[in-house]
Amino acid sequence: MRGTLDFLRKSGVPSPVAVLTIMAEFLGPLGLAVGLLTRVAALGIAAVMLGAILTVHRQRFFMNWYGNEQGEGFEYHVLAIGLAVALVLNGAGAWSLDAMIAGH
């Protein structure tokens, strides 16, 4: 965590945003895997992906398939945002921990 926090701070990301980013990237997938706090986790992941597009990957849309260009595109990030939006709008489903806690 220390290394990632230092990297994000050196990149100009404020410390509170850096901590939230680390939490979203670590806890978000765990929450999605078991269906716990699904909408919050998906929203966090979407925010991280949007931040990655705006700060690093905005030069090109498609991935660098052949390695002959510098950097990567943001097509994967758009896919992840689309999936996250679907989860934010619809929730995790009947077999999730969210549904079990809600009593569905």
PDB file of N, CA and C in Angstrom:
ATOM      1  N   MET A   1       0.824  -1.184   0.000  1.00  0.00           N
ATOM      2  CA  MET A   1       0.000   0.000   0.000  1.00  0.00           C
ATOM      3  C   MET A   1       0.871   1.252   0.000  1.00  0.00           C
ATOM      4  N   ARG A   2       1.942   1.213   0.730  1.00  0.00           N
ATOM      5  CA  ARG A   2       2.818   2.387   0.832  1.00  0.00           C
ATOM      6  C   ARG A   2       3.360   2.794  -0.540  1.00  0.00           C
ATOM      7  N   GLY A   3       3.819   1.822  -1.310  1.00  0.00           N
ATOM      8  CA  GLY A   3       4.375   2.115  -2.626  1.00  0.00           C
ATOM      9  C   GLY A   3       3.347   2.721  -3.568  1.00  0.00           C
ATOM     10  N   THR A   4       2.155   2.161  -3.576  1.00  0.00           N
ATOM     11  CA  THR A   4       1.095   2.685  -4.434  1.00  0.00           C
ATOM     12  C   THR A   4       0.682   4.079  -3.989  1.00  0.00           C
ATOM     13  N   LEU A   5       0.573   4.279  -2.691  1.00  0.00           N
ATOM     14  CA  LEU A   5       0.214   5.590  -2.160  1.00  0.00           C
ATOM     15  C   LEU A   5       1.263   6.637  -2.538  1.00  0.00           C
ATOM     16  N   ASP A   6       2.523   6.283  -2.407  1.00  0.00           N
ATOM     17  CA  ASP A   6       3.597   7.201  -2.783  1.00  0.00           C
ATOM     18  C   ASP A   6       3.564   7.514  -4.276  1.00  0.00           C
ATOM     19  N   PHE A   7       3.337   6.485  -5.103  1.00  0.00           N
ATOM     20  CA  PHE A   7       3.266   6.697  -6.550  1.00  0.00           C
ATOM     21  C   PHE A   7       2.126   7.637  -6.908  1.00  0.00           C
ATOM     22  N   LEU A   8       0.954   7.411  -6.334  1.00  0.00           N
ATOM     23  CA  LEU A   8      -0.193   8.253  -6.653  1.00  0.00           C
ATOM     24  C   LEU A   8       0.035   9.690  -6.192  1.00  0.00           C
ATOM     25  N   ARG A   9       0.623   9.856  -5.021  1.00  0.00           N
ATOM     26  CA  ARG A   9       0.919  11.208  -4.531  1.00  0.00           C
ATOM     27  C   ARG A   9       1.904  11.920  -5.441  1.00  0.00           C
ATOM     28  N   LYS A  10       2.949  11.213  -5.873  1.00  0.00           N
ATOM     29  CA  LYS A  10       3.934  11.809  -6.781  1.00  0.00           C
ATOM     30  C   LYS A  10       3.325  12.140  -8.138  1.00  0.00           C
ATOM     31  N   SER A  11       2.262  11.429  -8.510  1.00  0.00           N
ATOM     32  CA  SER A  11       1.563  11.700  -9.768  1.00  0.00           C
ATOM     33  C   SER A  11       0.614  12.878  -9.655  1.00  0.00           C
ATOM     34  N   GLY A  12       0.486  13.437  -8.458  1.00  0.00           N
ATOM     35  CA  GLY A  12      -0.374  14.601  -8.280  1.00  0.00           C
ATOM     36  C   GLY A  12      -1.746  14.299  -7.714  1.00  0.00           C
ATOM     37  N   VAL A  13      -1.981  13.063  -7.328  1.00  0.00           N
ATOM     38  CA  VAL A  13      -3.274  12.692  -6.750  1.00  0.00           C
ATOM     39  C   VAL A  13      -3.259  13.056  -5.266  1.00  0.00           C
ATOM     40  N   PRO A  14      -4.267  13.779  -4.797  1.00  0.00           N
ATOM     41  CA  PRO A  14      -4.320  14.115  -3.367  1.00  0.00           C
ATOM     42  C   PRO A  14      -4.402  12.843  -2.511  1.00  0.00           C
ATOM     43  N   SER A  15      -3.836  12.889  -1.325  1.00  0.00           N
ATOM     44  CA  SER A  15      -3.776  11.708  -0.453  1.00  0.00           C
ATOM     45  C   SER A  15      -5.141  11.074  -0.179  1.00  0.00           C
ATOM     46  N   PRO A  16      -6.196  11.854   0.150  1.00  0.00           N
ATOM     47  CA  PRO A  16      -7.493  11.199   0.387  1.00  0.00           C
ATOM     48  C   PRO A  16      -8.026  10.461  -0.842  1.00  0.00           C
ATOM     49  N   VAL A  17      -7.821  11.032  -2.019  1.00  0.00           N
ATOM     50  CA  VAL A  17      -8.271  10.382  -3.250  1.00  0.00           C
ATOM     51  C   VAL A  17      -7.429   9.135  -3.518  1.00  0.00           C
ATOM     52  N   ALA A  18      -6.139   9.211  -3.224  1.00  0.00           N
ATOM     53  CA  ALA A  18      -5.262   8.057  -3.402  1.00  0.00           C
ATOM     54  C   ALA A  18      -5.686   6.899  -2.501  1.00  0.00           C
ATOM     55  N   VAL A  19      -6.020   7.187  -1.259  1.00  0.00           N
ATOM     56  CA  VAL A  19      -6.466   6.138  -0.334  1.00  0.00           C
ATOM     57  C   VAL A  19      -7.785   5.533  -0.814  1.00  0.00           C
ATOM     58  N   LEU A  20      -8.718   6.371  -1.259  1.00  0.00           N
ATOM     59  CA  LEU A  20      -9.989   5.860  -1.789  1.00  0.00           C
ATOM     60  C   LEU A  20      -9.766   5.007  -3.032  1.00  0.00           C
ATOM     61  N   THR A  21      -8.820   5.398  -3.864  1.00  0.00           N
ATOM     62  CA  THR A  21      -8.499   4.619  -5.065  1.00  0.00           C
ATOM     63  C   THR A  21      -7.967   3.244  -4.686  1.00  0.00           C
ATOM     64  N   ILE A  22      -7.057   3.206  -3.743  1.00  0.00           N
ATOM     65  CA  ILE A  22      -6.494   1.931  -3.297  1.00  0.00           C
ATOM     66  C   ILE A  22      -7.590   1.051  -2.699  1.00  0.00           C
ATOM     67  N   MET A  23      -8.453   1.635  -1.888  1.00  0.00           N
ATOM     68  CA  MET A  23      -9.550   0.861  -1.290  1.00  0.00           C
ATOM     69  C   MET A  23     -10.489   0.325  -2.366  1.00  0.00           C
ATOM     70  N   ALA A  24     -10.817   1.159  -3.355  1.00  0.00           N
ATOM     71  CA  ALA A  24     -11.721   0.721  -4.425  1.00  0.00           C
ATOM     72  C   ALA A  24     -11.095  -0.400  -5.244  1.00  0.00           C
ATOM     73  N   GLU A  25      -9.791  -0.310  -5.512  1.00  0.00           N
ATOM     74  CA  GLU A  25      -9.136  -1.335  -6.317  1.00  0.00           C
ATOM     75  C   GLU A  25      -8.935  -2.640  -5.554  1.00  0.00           C
ATOM     76  N   PHE A  26      -8.779  -2.574  -4.241  1.00  0.00           N
ATOM     77  CA  PHE A  26      -8.561  -3.790  -3.453  1.00  0.00           C
ATOM     78  C   PHE A  26      -9.879  -4.395  -2.964  1.00  0.00           C
ATOM     79  N   LEU A  27     -10.722  -3.585  -2.344  1.00  0.00           N
ATOM     80  CA  LEU A  27     -11.952  -4.095  -1.748  1.00  0.00           C
ATOM     81  C   LEU A  27     -13.084  -4.255  -2.758  1.00  0.00           C
ATOM     82  N   GLY A  28     -13.077  -3.443  -3.815  1.00  0.00           N
ATOM     83  CA  GLY A  28     -14.140  -3.508  -4.818  1.00  0.00           C
ATOM     84  C   GLY A  28     -14.298  -4.886  -5.442  1.00  0.00           C
ATOM     85  N   PRO A  29     -13.240  -5.474  -5.982  1.00  0.00           N
ATOM     86  CA  PRO A  29     -13.376  -6.809  -6.565  1.00  0.00           C
ATOM     87  C   PRO A  29     -13.788  -7.871  -5.552  1.00  0.00           C
ATOM     88  N   LEU A  30     -13.324  -7.744  -4.315  1.00  0.00           N
ATOM     89  CA  LEU A  30     -13.746  -8.703  -3.287  1.00  0.00           C
ATOM     90  C   LEU A  30     -15.241  -8.588  -3.030  1.00  0.00           C
ATOM     91  N   GLY A  31     -15.730  -7.361  -2.928  1.00  0.00           N
ATOM     92  CA  GLY A  31     -17.161  -7.145  -2.736  1.00  0.00           C
ATOM     93  C   GLY A  31     -17.977  -7.663  -3.903  1.00  0.00           C
ATOM     94  N   LEU A  32     -17.494  -7.440  -5.118  1.00  0.00           N
ATOM     95  CA  LEU A  32     -18.216  -7.927  -6.294  1.00  0.00           C
ATOM     96  C   LEU A  32     -18.211  -9.450  -6.359  1.00  0.00           C
ATOM     97  N   ALA A  33     -17.136 -10.071  -5.940  1.00  0.00           N
ATOM     98  CA  ALA A  33     -17.038 -11.531  -6.007  1.00  0.00           C
ATOM     99  C   ALA A  33     -18.071 -12.217  -5.124  1.00  0.00           C
ATOM    100  N   VAL A  34     -18.372 -11.628  -3.980  1.00  0.00           N
ATOM    101  CA  VAL A  34     -19.331 -12.253  -3.072  1.00  0.00           C
ATOM    102  C   VAL A  34     -20.686 -11.543  -3.064  1.00  0.00           C
ATOM    103  N   GLY A  35     -20.775 -10.435  -3.788  1.00  0.00           N
ATOM    104  CA  GLY A  35     -22.039  -9.715  -3.852  1.00  0.00           C
ATOM    105  C   GLY A  35     -22.337  -8.911  -2.601  1.00  0.00           C
ATOM    106  N   LEU A  36     -21.315  -8.330  -1.997  1.00  0.00           N
ATOM    107  CA  LEU A  36     -21.489  -7.537  -0.781  1.00  0.00           C
ATOM    108  C   LEU A  36     -21.200  -6.072  -1.091  1.00  0.00           C
ATOM    109  N   LEU A  37     -22.148  -5.207  -0.782  1.00  0.00           N
ATOM    110  CA  LEU A  37     -22.045  -3.783  -1.109  1.00  0.00           C
ATOM    111  C   LEU A  37     -21.735  -3.598  -2.596  1.00  0.00           C
ATOM    112  N   THR A  38     -22.454  -4.334  -3.397  1.00  0.00           N
ATOM    113  CA  THR A  38     -22.186  -4.410  -4.831  1.00  0.00           C
ATOM    114  C   THR A  38     -22.248  -3.050  -5.509  1.00  0.00           C
ATOM    115  N   ARG A  39     -23.281  -2.299  -5.220  1.00  0.00           N
ATOM    116  CA  ARG A  39     -23.425  -1.002  -5.891  1.00  0.00           C
ATOM    117  C   ARG A  39     -22.302  -0.046  -5.511  1.00  0.00           C
ATOM    118  N   VAL A  40     -21.904  -0.050  -4.260  1.00  0.00           N
ATOM    119  CA  VAL A  40     -20.806   0.812  -3.810  1.00  0.00           C
ATOM    120  C   VAL A  40     -19.495   0.366  -4.453  1.00  0.00           C
ATOM    121  N   ALA A  41     -19.248  -0.936  -4.465  1.00  0.00           N
ATOM    122  CA  ALA A  41     -18.020  -1.470  -5.061  1.00  0.00           C
ATOM    123  C   ALA A  41     -17.953  -1.154  -6.553  1.00  0.00           C
ATOM    124  N   ALA A  42     -19.061  -1.339  -7.248  1.00  0.00           N
ATOM    125  CA  ALA A  42     -19.095  -1.071  -8.685  1.00  0.00           C
ATOM    126  C   ALA A  42     -18.890   0.415  -8.973  1.00  0.00           C
ATOM    127  N   LEU A  43     -19.479   1.260  -8.163  1.00  0.00           N
ATOM    128  CA  LEU A  43     -19.290   2.701  -8.338  1.00  0.00           C
ATOM    129  C   LEU A  43     -17.825   3.080  -8.124  1.00  0.00           C
ATOM    130  N   GLY A  44     -17.179   2.495  -7.133  1.00  0.00           N
ATOM    131  CA  GLY A  44     -15.762   2.760  -6.892  1.00  0.00           C
ATOM    132  C   GLY A  44     -14.892   2.313  -8.045  1.00  0.00           C
ATOM    133  N   ILE A  45     -15.170   1.139  -8.579  1.00  0.00           N
ATOM    134  CA  ILE A  45     -14.392   0.635  -9.707  1.00  0.00           C
ATOM    135  C   ILE A  45     -14.610   1.510 -10.937  1.00  0.00           C
ATOM    136  N   ALA A  46     -15.841   1.938 -11.170  1.00  0.00           N
ATOM    137  CA  ALA A  46     -16.111   2.833 -12.306  1.00  0.00           C
ATOM    138  C   ALA A  46     -15.352   4.141 -12.162  1.00  0.00           C
ATOM    139  N   ALA A  47     -15.285   4.673 -10.953  1.00  0.00           N
ATOM    140  CA  ALA A  47     -14.549   5.919 -10.724  1.00  0.00           C
ATOM    141  C   ALA A  47     -13.059   5.730 -10.979  1.00  0.00           C
ATOM    142  N   VAL A  48     -12.507   4.604 -10.567  1.00  0.00           N
ATOM    143  CA  VAL A  48     -11.086   4.323 -10.802  1.00  0.00           C
ATOM    144  C   VAL A  48     -10.823   4.199 -12.306  1.00  0.00           C
ATOM    145  N   MET A  49     -11.685   3.502 -13.016  1.00  0.00           N
ATOM    146  CA  MET A  49     -11.507   3.345 -14.458  1.00  0.00           C
ATOM    147  C   MET A  49     -11.615   4.684 -15.189  1.00  0.00           C
ATOM    148  N   LEU A  50     -12.556   5.516 -14.781  1.00  0.00           N
ATOM    149  CA  LEU A  50     -12.687   6.838 -15.387  1.00  0.00           C
ATOM    150  C   LEU A  50     -11.443   7.676 -15.111  1.00  0.00           C
ATOM    151  N   GLY A  51     -10.936   7.596 -13.895  1.00  0.00           N
ATOM    152  CA  GLY A  51      -9.699   8.298 -13.566  1.00  0.00           C
ATOM    153  C   GLY A  51      -8.528   7.811 -14.397  1.00  0.00           C
ATOM    154  N   ALA A  52      -8.450   6.511 -14.635  1.00  0.00           N
ATOM    155  CA  ALA A  52      -7.365   5.964 -15.460  1.00  0.00           C
ATOM    156  C   ALA A  52      -7.465   6.466 -16.895  1.00  0.00           C
ATOM    157  N   ILE A  53      -8.675   6.543 -17.412  1.00  0.00           N
ATOM    158  CA  ILE A  53      -8.856   7.072 -18.768  1.00  0.00           C
ATOM    159  C   ILE A  53      -8.400   8.520 -18.841  1.00  0.00           C
ATOM    160  N   LEU A  54      -8.848   9.323 -17.901  1.00  0.00           N
ATOM    161  CA  LEU A  54      -8.572  10.757 -17.956  1.00  0.00           C
ATOM    162  C   LEU A  54      -7.115  11.105 -17.672  1.00  0.00           C
ATOM    163  N   THR A  55      -6.427  10.291 -16.882  1.00  0.00           N
ATOM    164  CA  THR A  55      -5.061  10.645 -16.503  1.00  0.00           C
ATOM    165  C   THR A  55      -3.975   9.921 -17.291  1.00  0.00           C
ATOM    166  N   VAL A  56      -4.263   8.719 -17.806  1.00  0.00           N
ATOM    167  CA  VAL A  56      -3.190   7.923 -18.413  1.00  0.00           C
ATOM    168  C   VAL A  56      -3.499   7.481 -19.843  1.00  0.00           C
ATOM    169  N   HIS A  57      -4.693   6.992 -20.104  1.00  0.00           N
ATOM    170  CA  HIS A  57      -4.966   6.251 -21.340  1.00  0.00           C
ATOM    171  C   HIS A  57      -5.735   7.014 -22.407  1.00  0.00           C
ATOM    172  N   ARG A  58      -5.915   8.286 -22.281  1.00  0.00           N
ATOM    173  CA  ARG A  58      -6.801   9.005 -23.202  1.00  0.00           C
ATOM    174  C   ARG A  58      -6.228   9.216 -24.601  1.00  0.00           C
ATOM    175  N   GLN A  59      -4.965   8.879 -24.854  1.00  0.00           N
ATOM    176  CA  GLN A  59      -4.357   9.105 -26.158  1.00  0.00           C
ATOM    177  C   GLN A  59      -4.997   8.278 -27.271  1.00  0.00           C
ATOM    178  N   ARG A  60      -5.404   7.061 -26.949  1.00  0.00           N
ATOM    179  CA  ARG A  60      -5.967   6.197 -27.989  1.00  0.00           C
ATOM    180  C   ARG A  60      -7.047   5.312 -27.389  1.00  0.00           C
ATOM    181  N   PHE A  61      -7.973   4.908 -28.239  1.00  0.00           N
ATOM    182  CA  PHE A  61      -9.066   4.067 -27.772  1.00  0.00           C
ATOM    183  C   PHE A  61      -8.657   2.601 -27.694  1.00  0.00           C
ATOM    184  N   PHE A  62      -8.070   2.076 -28.759  1.00  0.00           N
ATOM    185  CA  PHE A  62      -7.778   0.648 -28.815  1.00  0.00           C
ATOM    186  C   PHE A  62      -6.470   0.300 -28.114  1.00  0.00           C
ATOM    187  N   MET A  63      -6.402  -0.934 -27.656  1.00  0.00           N
ATOM    188  CA  MET A  63      -5.185  -1.426 -27.010  1.00  0.00           C
ATOM    189  C   MET A  63      -4.030  -1.444 -28.006  1.00  0.00           C
ATOM    190  N   ASN A  64      -2.834  -1.495 -27.502  1.00  0.00           N
ATOM    191  CA  ASN A  64      -1.620  -1.552 -28.300  1.00  0.00           C
ATOM    192  C   ASN A  64      -1.314  -3.022 -28.599  1.00  0.00           C
ATOM    193  N   TRP A  65      -2.054  -3.609 -29.536  1.00  0.00           N
ATOM    194  CA  TRP A  65      -1.993  -5.046 -29.792  1.00  0.00           C
ATOM    195  C   TRP A  65      -0.614  -5.532 -30.200  1.00  0.00           C
ATOM    196  N   TYR A  66       0.101  -4.752 -30.999  1.00  0.00           N
ATOM    197  CA  TYR A  66       1.369  -5.223 -31.554  1.00  0.00           C
ATOM    198  C   TYR A  66       2.585  -4.659 -30.838  1.00  0.00           C
ATOM    199  N   GLY A  67       2.383  -3.805 -29.868  1.00  0.00           N
ATOM    200  CA  GLY A  67       3.495  -3.261 -29.105  1.00  0.00           C
ATOM    201  C   GLY A  67       4.345  -2.257 -29.860  1.00  0.00           C
ATOM    202  N   ASN A  68       3.846  -1.739 -30.980  1.00  0.00           N
ATOM    203  CA  ASN A  68       4.643  -0.820 -31.778  1.00  0.00           C
ATOM    204  C   ASN A  68       4.335   0.646 -31.481  1.00  0.00           C
ATOM    205  N   GLU A  69       3.478   0.901 -30.525  1.00  0.00           N
ATOM    206  CA  GLU A  69       3.160   2.268 -30.117  1.00  0.00           C
ATOM    207  C   GLU A  69       3.381   2.384 -28.611  1.00  0.00           C
ATOM    208  N   GLN A  70       3.553   3.608 -28.156  1.00  0.00           N
ATOM    209  CA  GLN A  70       3.757   3.821 -26.729  1.00  0.00           C
ATOM    210  C   GLN A  70       2.412   3.905 -26.021  1.00  0.00           C
ATOM    211  N   GLY A  71       2.272   3.217 -24.898  1.00  0.00           N
ATOM    212  CA  GLY A  71       1.053   3.288 -24.101  1.00  0.00           C
ATOM    213  C   GLY A  71      -0.017   2.318 -24.549  1.00  0.00           C
ATOM    214  N   GLU A  72      -1.096   2.341 -23.832  1.00  0.00           N
ATOM    215  CA  GLU A  72      -2.240   1.481 -24.105  1.00  0.00           C
ATOM    216  C   GLU A  72      -3.490   2.328 -24.271  1.00  0.00           C
ATOM    217  N   GLY A  73      -4.512   1.759 -24.859  1.00  0.00           N
ATOM    218  CA  GLY A  73      -5.774   2.457 -25.050  1.00  0.00           C
ATOM    219  C   GLY A  73      -6.711   2.253 -23.877  1.00  0.00           C
ATOM    220  N   PHE A  74      -7.936   2.769 -24.026  1.00  0.00           N
ATOM    221  CA  PHE A  74      -8.879   2.703 -22.914  1.00  0.00           C
ATOM    222  C   PHE A  74     -10.127   1.883 -23.227  1.00  0.00           C
ATOM    223  N   GLU A  75     -10.069   1.015 -24.230  1.00  0.00           N
ATOM    224  CA  GLU A  75     -11.248   0.214 -24.553  1.00  0.00           C
ATOM    225  C   GLU A  75     -11.642  -0.707 -23.394  1.00  0.00           C
ATOM    226  N   TYR A  76     -10.676  -1.296 -22.712  1.00  0.00           N
ATOM    227  CA  TYR A  76     -10.977  -2.156 -21.563  1.00  0.00           C
ATOM    228  C   TYR A  76     -11.649  -1.357 -20.452  1.00  0.00           C
ATOM    229  N   HIS A  77     -11.193  -0.151 -20.242  1.00  0.00           N
ATOM    230  CA  HIS A  77     -11.752   0.692 -19.186  1.00  0.00           C
ATOM    231  C   HIS A  77     -13.213   1.028 -19.464  1.00  0.00           C
ATOM    232  N   VAL A  78     -13.544   1.245 -20.742  1.00  0.00           N
ATOM    233  CA  VAL A  78     -14.940   1.504 -21.111  1.00  0.00           C
ATOM    234  C   VAL A  78     -15.790   0.268 -20.830  1.00  0.00           C
ATOM    235  N   LEU A  79     -15.262  -0.907 -21.123  1.00  0.00           N
ATOM    236  CA  LEU A  79     -15.965  -2.153 -20.813  1.00  0.00           C
ATOM    237  C   LEU A  79     -16.215  -2.277 -19.307  1.00  0.00           C
ATOM    238  N   ALA A  80     -15.178  -2.029 -18.507  1.00  0.00           N
ATOM    239  CA  ALA A  80     -15.321  -2.122 -17.051  1.00  0.00           C
ATOM    240  C   ALA A  80     -16.331  -1.105 -16.528  1.00  0.00           C
ATOM    241  N   ILE A  81     -16.343   0.102 -17.083  1.00  0.00           N
ATOM    242  CA  ILE A  81     -17.321   1.115 -16.669  1.00  0.00           C
ATOM    243  C   ILE A  81     -18.727   0.662 -17.029  1.00  0.00           C
ATOM    244  N   GLY A  82     -18.902   0.088 -18.213  1.00  0.00           N
ATOM    245  CA  GLY A  82     -20.217  -0.416 -18.615  1.00  0.00           C
ATOM    246  C   GLY A  82     -20.725  -1.506 -17.687  1.00  0.00           C
ATOM    247  N   LEU A  83     -19.861  -2.427 -17.328  1.00  0.00           N
ATOM    248  CA  LEU A  83     -20.251  -3.493 -16.400  1.00  0.00           C
ATOM    249  C   LEU A  83     -20.580  -2.916 -15.023  1.00  0.00           C
ATOM    250  N   ALA A  84     -19.786  -1.948 -14.587  1.00  0.00           N
ATOM    251  CA  ALA A  84     -20.029  -1.326 -13.284  1.00  0.00           C
ATOM    252  C   ALA A  84     -21.352  -0.580 -13.272  1.00  0.00           C
ATOM    253  N   VAL A  85     -21.667   0.119 -14.348  1.00  0.00           N
ATOM    254  CA  VAL A  85     -22.942   0.844 -14.421  1.00  0.00           C
ATOM    255  C   VAL A  85     -24.110  -0.141 -14.341  1.00  0.00           C
ATOM    256  N   ALA A  86     -23.996  -1.280 -15.029  1.00  0.00           N
ATOM    257  CA  ALA A  86     -25.054  -2.297 -14.957  1.00  0.00           C
ATOM    258  C   ALA A  86     -25.246  -2.793 -13.532  1.00  0.00           C
ATOM    259  N   LEU A  87     -24.152  -2.987 -12.802  1.00  0.00           N
ATOM    260  CA  LEU A  87     -24.252  -3.438 -11.415  1.00  0.00           C
ATOM    261  C   LEU A  87     -24.796  -2.349 -10.494  1.00  0.00           C
ATOM    262  N   VAL A  88     -24.419  -1.116 -10.732  1.00  0.00           N
ATOM    263  CA  VAL A  88     -24.960  -0.016  -9.921  1.00  0.00           C
ATOM    264  C   VAL A  88     -26.464   0.077 -10.125  1.00  0.00           C
ATOM    265  N   LEU A  89     -26.926  -0.053 -11.350  1.00  0.00           N
ATOM    266  CA  LEU A  89     -28.357   0.084 -11.642  1.00  0.00           C
ATOM    267  C   LEU A  89     -29.172  -1.132 -11.205  1.00  0.00           C
ATOM    268  N   ASN A  90     -28.633  -2.341 -11.373  1.00  0.00           N
ATOM    269  CA  ASN A  90     -29.410  -3.560 -11.141  1.00  0.00           C
ATOM    270  C   ASN A  90     -29.063  -4.305  -9.863  1.00  0.00           C
ATOM    271  N   GLY A  91     -27.936  -4.027  -9.253  1.00  0.00           N
ATOM    272  CA  GLY A  91     -27.533  -4.768  -8.062  1.00  0.00           C
ATOM    273  C   GLY A  91     -26.905  -6.099  -8.429  1.00  0.00           C
ATOM    274  N   ALA A  92     -26.620  -6.894  -7.414  1.00  0.00           N
ATOM    275  CA  ALA A  92     -25.863  -8.125  -7.611  1.00  0.00           C
ATOM    276  C   ALA A  92     -26.716  -9.325  -8.000  1.00  0.00           C
ATOM    277  N   GLY A  93     -27.957  -9.353  -7.634  1.00  0.00           N
ATOM    278  CA  GLY A  93     -28.791 -10.497  -7.984  1.00  0.00           C
ATOM    279  C   GLY A  93     -29.202 -11.315  -6.778  1.00  0.00           C
ATOM    280  N   ALA A  94     -29.973 -12.347  -7.052  1.00  0.00           N
ATOM    281  CA  ALA A  94     -30.625 -13.133  -6.009  1.00  0.00           C
ATOM    282  C   ALA A  94     -29.657 -13.954  -5.159  1.00  0.00           C
ATOM    283  N   TRP A  95     -28.515 -14.338  -5.685  1.00  0.00           N
ATOM    284  CA  TRP A  95     -27.600 -15.202  -4.936  1.00  0.00           C
ATOM    285  C   TRP A  95     -26.498 -14.432  -4.224  1.00  0.00           C
ATOM    286  N   SER A  96     -26.592 -13.148  -4.164  1.00  0.00           N
ATOM    287  CA  SER A  96     -25.546 -12.335  -3.556  1.00  0.00           C
ATOM    288  C   SER A  96     -25.745 -12.220  -2.045  1.00  0.00           C
ATOM    289  N   LEU A  97     -24.698 -11.817  -1.336  1.00  0.00           N
ATOM    290  CA  LEU A  97     -24.820 -11.534   0.089  1.00  0.00           C
ATOM    291  C   LEU A  97     -25.744 -10.340   0.328  1.00  0.00           C
ATOM    292  N   ASP A  98     -25.751  -9.386  -0.597  1.00  0.00           N
ATOM    293  CA  ASP A  98     -26.673  -8.256  -0.476  1.00  0.00           C
ATOM    294  C   ASP A  98     -28.120  -8.736  -0.396  1.00  0.00           C
ATOM    295  N   ALA A  99     -28.486  -9.685  -1.283  1.00  0.00           N
ATOM    296  CA  ALA A  99     -29.849 -10.212  -1.285  1.00  0.00           C
ATOM    297  C   ALA A  99     -30.131 -11.028  -0.032  1.00  0.00           C
ATOM    298  N   MET A 100     -29.156 -11.781   0.443  1.00  0.00           N
ATOM    299  CA  MET A 100     -29.348 -12.567   1.662  1.00  0.00           C
ATOM    300  C   MET A 100     -29.553 -11.662   2.865  1.00  0.00           C
ATOM    301  N   ILE A 101     -28.782 -10.569   2.937  1.00  0.00           N
ATOM    302  CA  ILE A 101     -28.927  -9.634   4.051  1.00  0.00           C
ATOM    303  C   ILE A 101     -30.267  -8.926   3.986  1.00  0.00           C
ATOM    304  N   ALA A 102     -30.705  -8.594   2.773  1.00  0.00           N
ATOM    305  CA  ALA A 102     -31.995  -7.914   2.610  1.00  0.00           C
ATOM    306  C   ALA A 102     -33.177  -8.852   2.794  1.00  0.00           C
ATOM    307  N   GLY A 103     -32.922 -10.149   2.812  1.00  0.00           N
ATOM    308  CA  GLY A 103     -33.988 -11.117   3.033  1.00  0.00           C
ATOM    309  C   GLY A 103     -34.758 -11.471   1.786  1.00  0.00           C
ATOM    310  N   HIS A 104     -34.147 -11.343   0.628  1.00  0.00           N
ATOM    311  CA  HIS A 104     -34.839 -11.682  -0.617  1.00  0.00           C
ATOM    312  C   HIS A 104     -34.670 -13.137  -0.929  1.00  0.00           C
TER     313      HIS A 104
END
